[in-house]
Amino acid sequence: MRCKPSAGNKNLKHKKGLWSPDEDKKLKDYILNYGLGCWSSVPINAGLQRNGKSCRLRWTNYLRPGLKRGKFTTHEEEIIVNLHGVLGNK
């Protein structure tokens, strides 16, 4: 079942390109306050001129709490090497 975005957004032009810090803050604040739901309605309710897919990808890949960035630790590298030895390239 699909969620229904508001009917008045058919002719809106979606913004493309780099995200501004203000847009990041709006998206993060909205999701932290209201939670995850229908991604096509998130940009409308958060006051963004983006499409739902862009918001979902921005949240998933850059903004969500607990997202770890940077190099692997020595312990994580050992786990990867051991699992590769057991599972191969699966």
N, C-alpha and C. Protein backbone atom coordinates (compact mmCIF):
# COMPACT_ATOMS: atom_id res chain seq x y z
N MET A 1 0.84 -1.17 0.00
CA MET A 1 0.00 0.00 0.00
C MET A 1 0.89 1.24 0.00
N ARG A 2 0.60 2.17 -0.87
CA ARG A 2 1.40 3.38 -0.98
C ARG A 2 0.82 4.48 -0.12
N CYS A 3 1.67 5.34 0.35
CA CYS A 3 1.19 6.50 1.09
C CYS A 3 0.77 7.57 0.09
N LYS A 4 -0.07 8.46 0.54
CA LYS A 4 -0.60 9.47 -0.35
C LYS A 4 -0.04 10.84 0.01
N PRO A 5 0.83 11.39 -0.85
CA PRO A 5 1.29 12.75 -0.60
C PRO A 5 0.15 13.72 -0.88
N SER A 6 0.33 14.95 -0.45
CA SER A 6 -0.74 15.92 -0.67
C SER A 6 -0.97 16.13 -2.16
N ALA A 7 -2.21 16.40 -2.54
CA ALA A 7 -2.60 16.47 -3.95
C ALA A 7 -2.06 17.72 -4.64
N GLY A 8 -1.70 18.76 -3.92
CA GLY A 8 -1.31 20.00 -4.54
C GLY A 8 0.15 20.10 -4.94
N ASN A 9 0.89 19.01 -4.90
CA ASN A 9 2.32 19.11 -5.18
C ASN A 9 2.71 18.58 -6.55
N LYS A 10 1.79 18.44 -7.47
CA LYS A 10 2.09 17.87 -8.78
C LYS A 10 3.00 18.77 -9.61
N ASN A 11 2.87 20.08 -9.51
CA ASN A 11 3.60 20.99 -10.38
C ASN A 11 4.82 21.63 -9.71
N LEU A 12 5.19 21.17 -8.53
CA LEU A 12 6.35 21.73 -7.85
C LEU A 12 7.63 21.26 -8.53
N LYS A 13 8.59 22.16 -8.64
CA LYS A 13 9.90 21.78 -9.15
C LYS A 13 10.75 21.38 -7.97
N HIS A 14 11.33 20.20 -8.06
CA HIS A 14 12.18 19.71 -6.98
C HIS A 14 13.59 20.24 -7.16
N LYS A 15 14.19 20.59 -6.06
CA LYS A 15 15.55 21.09 -6.07
C LYS A 15 16.50 19.91 -6.26
N LYS A 16 17.55 20.13 -7.02
CA LYS A 16 18.56 19.10 -7.24
C LYS A 16 19.91 19.64 -6.80
N GLY A 17 20.86 18.77 -6.63
CA GLY A 17 22.21 19.21 -6.30
C GLY A 17 22.53 19.09 -4.83
N LEU A 18 23.52 19.86 -4.42
CA LEU A 18 24.03 19.78 -3.06
C LEU A 18 22.97 20.20 -2.04
N TRP A 19 23.04 19.57 -0.88
CA TRP A 19 22.14 19.92 0.23
C TRP A 19 22.80 21.03 1.05
N SER A 20 22.01 21.99 1.45
CA SER A 20 22.51 23.05 2.32
C SER A 20 22.42 22.60 3.78
N PRO A 21 23.20 23.21 4.66
CA PRO A 21 23.09 22.87 6.09
C PRO A 21 21.69 23.13 6.63
N ASP A 22 21.00 24.15 6.11
CA ASP A 22 19.63 24.44 6.55
C ASP A 22 18.68 23.31 6.17
N GLU A 23 18.84 22.78 4.95
CA GLU A 23 18.00 21.65 4.53
C GLU A 23 18.28 20.41 5.37
N ASP A 24 19.56 20.16 5.65
CA ASP A 24 19.92 19.02 6.51
C ASP A 24 19.25 19.15 7.87
N LYS A 25 19.29 20.36 8.43
CA LYS A 25 18.71 20.58 9.75
C LYS A 25 17.20 20.36 9.72
N LYS A 26 16.52 20.86 8.68
CA LYS A 26 15.07 20.67 8.57
C LYS A 26 14.71 19.19 8.49
N LEU A 27 15.44 18.45 7.65
CA LEU A 27 15.16 17.02 7.50
C LEU A 27 15.42 16.27 8.80
N LYS A 28 16.56 16.53 9.42
CA LYS A 28 16.92 15.84 10.66
C LYS A 28 15.93 16.16 11.77
N ASP A 29 15.59 17.42 11.94
CA ASP A 29 14.63 17.82 12.97
C ASP A 29 13.27 17.17 12.75
N TYR A 30 12.82 17.15 11.48
CA TYR A 30 11.51 16.55 11.19
C TYR A 30 11.50 15.07 11.55
N ILE A 31 12.51 14.34 11.11
CA ILE A 31 12.52 12.89 11.35
C ILE A 31 12.69 12.57 12.83
N LEU A 32 13.51 13.33 13.52
CA LEU A 32 13.69 13.09 14.96
C LEU A 32 12.42 13.41 15.74
N ASN A 33 11.64 14.38 15.28
CA ASN A 33 10.39 14.73 15.96
C ASN A 33 9.23 13.81 15.61
N TYR A 34 9.11 13.43 14.33
CA TYR A 34 7.94 12.69 13.87
C TYR A 34 8.22 11.25 13.48
N GLY A 35 9.48 10.88 13.39
CA GLY A 35 9.83 9.51 13.06
C GLY A 35 9.77 9.24 11.57
N LEU A 36 10.17 8.03 11.21
CA LEU A 36 10.14 7.62 9.82
C LEU A 36 8.73 7.24 9.43
N GLY A 37 8.38 7.52 8.23
CA GLY A 37 7.05 7.18 7.74
C GLY A 37 7.08 7.11 6.24
N CYS A 38 6.14 7.77 5.63
CA CYS A 38 6.03 7.81 4.18
C CYS A 38 7.03 8.83 3.64
N TRP A 39 8.02 8.37 2.89
CA TRP A 39 9.07 9.27 2.43
C TRP A 39 8.57 10.30 1.44
N SER A 40 7.51 10.01 0.70
CA SER A 40 7.02 11.00 -0.25
C SER A 40 6.33 12.17 0.44
N SER A 41 5.91 11.99 1.67
CA SER A 41 5.29 13.10 2.39
C SER A 41 6.29 13.86 3.28
N VAL A 42 7.46 13.30 3.52
CA VAL A 42 8.45 13.94 4.39
C VAL A 42 8.88 15.31 3.86
N PRO A 43 9.26 15.45 2.58
CA PRO A 43 9.71 16.78 2.15
C PRO A 43 8.60 17.84 2.21
N ILE A 44 7.38 17.44 1.97
CA ILE A 44 6.25 18.37 2.02
C ILE A 44 6.06 18.86 3.45
N ASN A 45 6.02 17.93 4.38
CA ASN A 45 5.78 18.27 5.78
C ASN A 45 6.97 18.96 6.44
N ALA A 46 8.18 18.68 5.95
CA ALA A 46 9.37 19.28 6.54
C ALA A 46 9.70 20.64 5.91
N GLY A 47 8.98 21.00 4.86
CA GLY A 47 9.22 22.29 4.22
C GLY A 47 10.41 22.28 3.28
N LEU A 48 10.66 21.14 2.63
CA LEU A 48 11.78 21.02 1.70
C LEU A 48 11.27 20.95 0.26
N GLN A 49 12.06 21.43 -0.66
CA GLN A 49 11.71 21.34 -2.08
C GLN A 49 12.50 20.21 -2.72
N ARG A 50 12.49 19.08 -2.09
CA ARG A 50 13.18 17.88 -2.58
C ARG A 50 12.13 16.79 -2.79
N ASN A 51 12.52 15.72 -3.46
CA ASN A 51 11.58 14.60 -3.56
C ASN A 51 11.86 13.60 -2.42
N GLY A 52 10.95 12.67 -2.24
CA GLY A 52 11.05 11.72 -1.13
C GLY A 52 12.28 10.84 -1.22
N LYS A 53 12.65 10.44 -2.44
CA LYS A 53 13.81 9.57 -2.60
C LYS A 53 15.08 10.29 -2.17
N SER A 54 15.20 11.55 -2.53
CA SER A 54 16.36 12.34 -2.15
C SER A 54 16.46 12.46 -0.63
N CYS A 55 15.33 12.68 0.02
CA CYS A 55 15.31 12.78 1.49
C CYS A 55 15.68 11.45 2.13
N ARG A 56 15.14 10.35 1.59
CA ARG A 56 15.44 9.03 2.15
C ARG A 56 16.93 8.72 2.03
N LEU A 57 17.51 8.98 0.87
CA LEU A 57 18.92 8.70 0.68
C LEU A 57 19.80 9.59 1.55
N ARG A 58 19.43 10.87 1.69
CA ARG A 58 20.21 11.78 2.53
C ARG A 58 20.20 11.32 3.98
N TRP A 59 19.02 10.89 4.45
CA TRP A 59 18.89 10.41 5.83
C TRP A 59 19.69 9.12 6.02
N THR A 60 19.51 8.17 5.12
CA THR A 60 20.14 6.86 5.26
C THR A 60 21.66 6.92 5.17
N ASN A 61 22.18 7.72 4.25
CA ASN A 61 23.61 7.71 3.99
C ASN A 61 24.43 8.76 4.73
N TYR A 62 23.77 9.82 5.25
CA TYR A 62 24.55 10.90 5.84
C TYR A 62 24.07 11.38 7.21
N LEU A 63 22.77 11.42 7.46
CA LEU A 63 22.27 12.13 8.63
C LEU A 63 21.83 11.26 9.80
N ARG A 64 21.56 9.99 9.56
CA ARG A 64 20.98 9.20 10.65
C ARG A 64 21.95 9.03 11.80
N PRO A 65 21.42 9.09 13.03
CA PRO A 65 22.28 8.93 14.20
C PRO A 65 22.87 7.52 14.25
N GLY A 66 24.06 7.42 14.74
CA GLY A 66 24.71 6.12 14.86
C GLY A 66 25.43 5.68 13.61
N LEU A 67 25.39 6.48 12.56
CA LEU A 67 26.08 6.14 11.33
C LEU A 67 27.58 6.32 11.55
N LYS A 68 28.33 5.26 11.31
CA LYS A 68 29.77 5.31 11.56
C LYS A 68 30.49 5.65 10.26
N ARG A 69 31.37 6.61 10.34
CA ARG A 69 32.18 7.01 9.19
C ARG A 69 33.65 6.87 9.56
N GLY A 70 34.46 6.69 8.56
CA GLY A 70 35.90 6.63 8.81
C GLY A 70 36.45 5.23 8.57
N LYS A 71 37.66 5.03 9.04
CA LYS A 71 38.37 3.78 8.81
C LYS A 71 37.85 2.68 9.74
N PHE A 72 38.07 1.44 9.30
CA PHE A 72 37.75 0.30 10.14
C PHE A 72 38.77 0.21 11.27
N THR A 73 38.32 -0.26 12.44
CA THR A 73 39.25 -0.51 13.54
C THR A 73 39.98 -1.82 13.26
N THR A 74 41.03 -2.08 14.01
CA THR A 74 41.80 -3.32 13.84
C THR A 74 40.91 -4.53 14.10
N HIS A 75 40.07 -4.44 15.12
CA HIS A 75 39.16 -5.54 15.44
C HIS A 75 38.17 -5.79 14.29
N GLU A 76 37.64 -4.72 13.71
CA GLU A 76 36.71 -4.87 12.58
C GLU A 76 37.40 -5.48 11.37
N GLU A 77 38.64 -5.09 11.12
CA GLU A 77 39.39 -5.68 10.01
C GLU A 77 39.60 -7.17 10.21
N GLU A 78 39.89 -7.58 11.44
CA GLU A 78 40.07 -9.00 11.74
C GLU A 78 38.78 -9.77 11.48
N ILE A 79 37.66 -9.22 11.90
CA ILE A 79 36.36 -9.86 11.67
C ILE A 79 36.11 -10.03 10.17
N ILE A 80 36.38 -8.98 9.40
CA ILE A 80 36.16 -9.04 7.94
C ILE A 80 37.03 -10.12 7.31
N VAL A 81 38.31 -10.16 7.67
CA VAL A 81 39.23 -11.15 7.10
C VAL A 81 38.79 -12.56 7.48
N ASN A 82 38.40 -12.78 8.75
CA ASN A 82 37.96 -14.11 9.18
C ASN A 82 36.69 -14.54 8.46
N LEU A 83 35.73 -13.63 8.35
CA LEU A 83 34.48 -13.98 7.66
C LEU A 83 34.71 -14.22 6.17
N HIS A 84 35.63 -13.48 5.59
CA HIS A 84 35.95 -13.72 4.17
C HIS A 84 36.58 -15.08 3.98
N GLY A 85 37.39 -15.49 4.95
CA GLY A 85 37.99 -16.82 4.88
C GLY A 85 36.93 -17.92 4.98
N VAL A 86 35.88 -17.68 5.76
CA VAL A 86 34.82 -18.67 5.95
C VAL A 86 33.83 -18.64 4.79
N LEU A 87 33.39 -17.43 4.41
CA LEU A 87 32.31 -17.30 3.41
C LEU A 87 32.79 -17.05 2.00
N GLY A 88 33.99 -16.58 1.85
CA GLY A 88 34.48 -16.23 0.50
C GLY A 88 33.87 -14.91 0.04
N ASN A 89 33.64 -14.78 -1.25
CA ASN A 89 33.13 -13.53 -1.82
C ASN A 89 31.61 -13.47 -1.89
N LYS A 90 30.92 -14.17 -1.01
CA LYS A 90 29.46 -14.17 -1.06
C LYS A 90 28.92 -12.85 -0.64
